[in-house]
């Protein structure tokens, strides 16, 4: 197989494709982070709600199993959130690298307004929401 020779025109097409794919990946991974957090919080609510629907008193062993499920959900969701955050960082780095190769016209348009520095990460906020949700769910289970 012969090596493919890429012309400067082909390079710019490849960069544009890499840029588009990376931007789409970023949007997808960020949406996945929100979905993971939302479904985890819904699972917490479902566990707490199920205990209210049962007319009989809940045994200690059942409370412990449900508490373990809440904790397992929190840990699993946190791991997935961190993995998605790592994938987001890789895409951001690809975008930075691709931007360095783009034209002056792109930089003039890009630099038209600077992006504010992210003081609080969305991932950090989602982790805190999961932690607070898990604590509330465990408290509700404890109060049963």
Protein backbone atom coordinates (compact mmCIF):
# COMPACT_ATOMS: atom_id res chain seq x y z
CA UNK A 1 0.00 0.00 0.00
CA UNK A 2 1.41 3.38 -1.01
CA UNK A 3 1.50 6.25 1.48
CA UNK A 4 -1.14 8.90 0.96
CA UNK A 5 0.26 12.31 0.11
CA UNK A 6 -1.82 15.11 1.58
CA UNK A 7 -1.70 18.49 -0.10
CA UNK A 8 -2.09 21.74 1.86
CA UNK A 9 -5.67 21.87 0.57
CA UNK A 10 -6.25 18.32 1.82
CA UNK A 11 -4.73 19.25 5.17
CA UNK A 12 -7.19 22.07 5.66
CA UNK A 13 -10.07 19.73 4.80
CA UNK A 14 -8.79 17.20 7.32
CA UNK A 15 -8.43 19.92 9.97
CA UNK A 16 -11.95 21.16 9.28
CA UNK A 17 -13.26 17.60 9.61
CA UNK A 18 -11.30 17.02 12.83
CA UNK A 19 -12.63 20.31 14.17
CA UNK A 20 -16.25 19.42 13.33
CA UNK A 21 -15.96 15.92 14.78
CA UNK A 22 -14.33 17.22 17.97
CA UNK A 23 -17.02 19.86 18.46
CA UNK A 24 -19.74 17.23 17.93
CA UNK A 25 -17.98 14.88 20.36
CA UNK A 26 -17.80 17.65 22.98
CA UNK A 27 -21.52 18.32 22.70
CA UNK A 28 -22.29 14.59 22.91
CA UNK A 29 -20.07 13.96 25.95
CA UNK A 30 -21.45 16.98 27.79
CA UNK A 31 -25.01 15.80 27.08
CA UNK A 32 -24.05 12.36 28.37
CA UNK A 33 -22.75 13.90 31.61
CA UNK A 34 -26.10 15.58 32.20
CA UNK A 35 -27.96 12.36 31.33
CA UNK A 36 -25.89 10.30 33.77
CA UNK A 37 -26.55 12.80 36.55
CA UNK A 38 -30.26 13.09 35.74
CA UNK A 39 -30.83 9.34 35.63
CA UNK A 40 -28.90 8.84 38.85
CA UNK A 41 -31.00 11.45 40.62
CA UNK A 42 -34.15 9.84 39.20
CA UNK A 43 -32.99 6.47 40.51
CA UNK A 44 -32.50 7.99 43.97
CA UNK A 45 -36.01 9.43 43.81
CA UNK A 46 -37.40 6.11 42.59
CA UNK A 47 -35.81 4.22 45.46
CA UNK A 48 -37.18 6.69 48.01
CA UNK A 49 -40.58 6.75 46.30
CA UNK A 50 -40.81 2.96 46.22
CA UNK A 51 -40.36 2.82 49.97
CA UNK A 52 -43.32 5.20 50.37
CA UNK A 53 -45.54 3.09 48.10
CA UNK A 54 -45.08 -0.03 50.20
CA UNK A 55 -47.71 -0.09 52.89
CA UNK A 56 -45.71 -2.39 55.16
CA UNK A 57 -42.81 -1.22 57.30
CA UNK A 58 -39.47 -1.72 55.59
CA UNK A 59 -37.09 -4.12 57.30
CA UNK A 60 -33.56 -3.13 58.19
CA UNK A 61 -32.11 -5.57 55.66
CA UNK A 62 -34.23 -3.97 52.89
CA UNK A 63 -33.11 -0.52 53.95
CA UNK A 64 -29.48 -1.64 53.83
CA UNK A 65 -29.89 -3.13 50.35
CA UNK A 66 -31.58 0.05 49.08
CA UNK A 67 -28.87 2.16 50.73
CA UNK A 68 -26.20 0.05 49.06
CA UNK A 69 -27.99 0.59 45.73
CA UNK A 70 -27.92 4.36 46.30
CA UNK A 71 -24.20 4.23 47.11
CA UNK A 72 -23.42 1.99 44.13
CA UNK A 73 -25.33 4.36 41.85
CA UNK A 74 -23.39 7.34 43.21
CA UNK A 75 -20.03 5.63 42.70
CA UNK A 76 -20.86 4.32 39.22
CA UNK A 77 -22.22 7.69 38.10
CA UNK A 78 -19.13 9.46 39.45
CA UNK A 79 -16.80 7.12 37.58
CA UNK A 80 -18.73 7.65 34.34
CA UNK A 81 -18.73 11.43 34.86
CA UNK A 82 -14.95 11.46 35.33
CA UNK A 83 -14.42 9.28 32.26
CA UNK A 84 -16.59 11.60 30.20
CA UNK A 85 -14.69 14.60 31.59
CA UNK A 86 -11.40 12.99 30.51
CA UNK A 87 -12.83 12.44 27.01
CA UNK A 88 -13.95 16.09 26.95
CA UNK A 89 -10.44 17.25 27.86
CA UNK A 90 -8.98 15.17 25.03
CA UNK A 91 -11.41 16.79 22.55
CA UNK A 92 -10.62 20.26 23.90
CA UNK A 93 -6.92 19.59 23.39
CA UNK A 94 -7.61 18.41 19.83
CA UNK A 95 -9.52 21.62 19.18
CA UNK A 96 -6.66 23.72 20.55
CA UNK A 97 -4.20 21.84 18.38
CA UNK A 98 -6.40 22.11 15.27
CA UNK A 99 -6.93 25.85 15.87
CA UNK A 100 -3.18 26.42 15.76
CA UNK A 101 -3.19 25.16 12.17
CA UNK A 102 -6.08 27.31 10.94
CA UNK A 103 -5.96 30.52 8.94
CA UNK A 104 -5.65 34.12 10.09
CA UNK A 105 -9.28 34.70 9.05
CA UNK A 106 -10.36 32.03 11.51
CA UNK A 107 -8.35 33.63 14.31
CA UNK A 108 -9.80 37.06 13.58
CA UNK A 109 -13.31 35.58 13.86
CA UNK A 110 -12.39 33.42 16.85
CA UNK A 111 -10.77 36.28 18.74
CA UNK A 112 -13.72 38.59 18.24
CA UNK A 113 -14.74 37.93 21.83
CA UNK A 114 -12.76 36.08 24.44
CA UNK A 115 -14.28 33.17 26.34
CA UNK A 116 -14.63 33.63 30.08
CA UNK A 117 -12.54 31.34 32.21
CA UNK A 118 -14.54 28.46 33.68
CA UNK A 119 -14.38 29.03 37.43
CA UNK A 120 -16.59 26.10 38.41
CA UNK A 121 -16.61 23.00 36.26
CA UNK A 122 -19.97 21.58 35.24
CA UNK A 123 -18.59 18.16 36.09
CA UNK A 124 -17.81 19.39 39.61
CA UNK A 125 -21.38 20.67 39.98
CA UNK A 126 -22.83 17.38 38.73
CA UNK A 127 -20.68 15.45 41.20
CA UNK A 128 -21.91 17.63 44.04
CA UNK A 129 -25.52 17.15 42.93
CA UNK A 130 -24.98 13.37 42.94
CA UNK A 131 -23.43 13.53 46.40
CA UNK A 132 -26.20 15.69 47.85
CA UNK A 133 -28.84 13.51 46.17
CA UNK A 134 -27.28 10.35 47.58
CA UNK A 135 -27.14 11.88 51.07
CA UNK A 136 -30.79 12.92 50.87
CA UNK A 137 -31.82 9.48 49.60
CA UNK A 138 -29.89 7.76 52.40
CA UNK A 139 -31.46 10.11 54.95
CA UNK A 140 -34.96 9.32 53.62
CA UNK A 141 -34.21 5.60 53.77
CA UNK A 142 -32.89 5.96 57.31
CA UNK A 143 -36.09 7.76 58.36
CA UNK A 144 -38.30 4.89 57.15
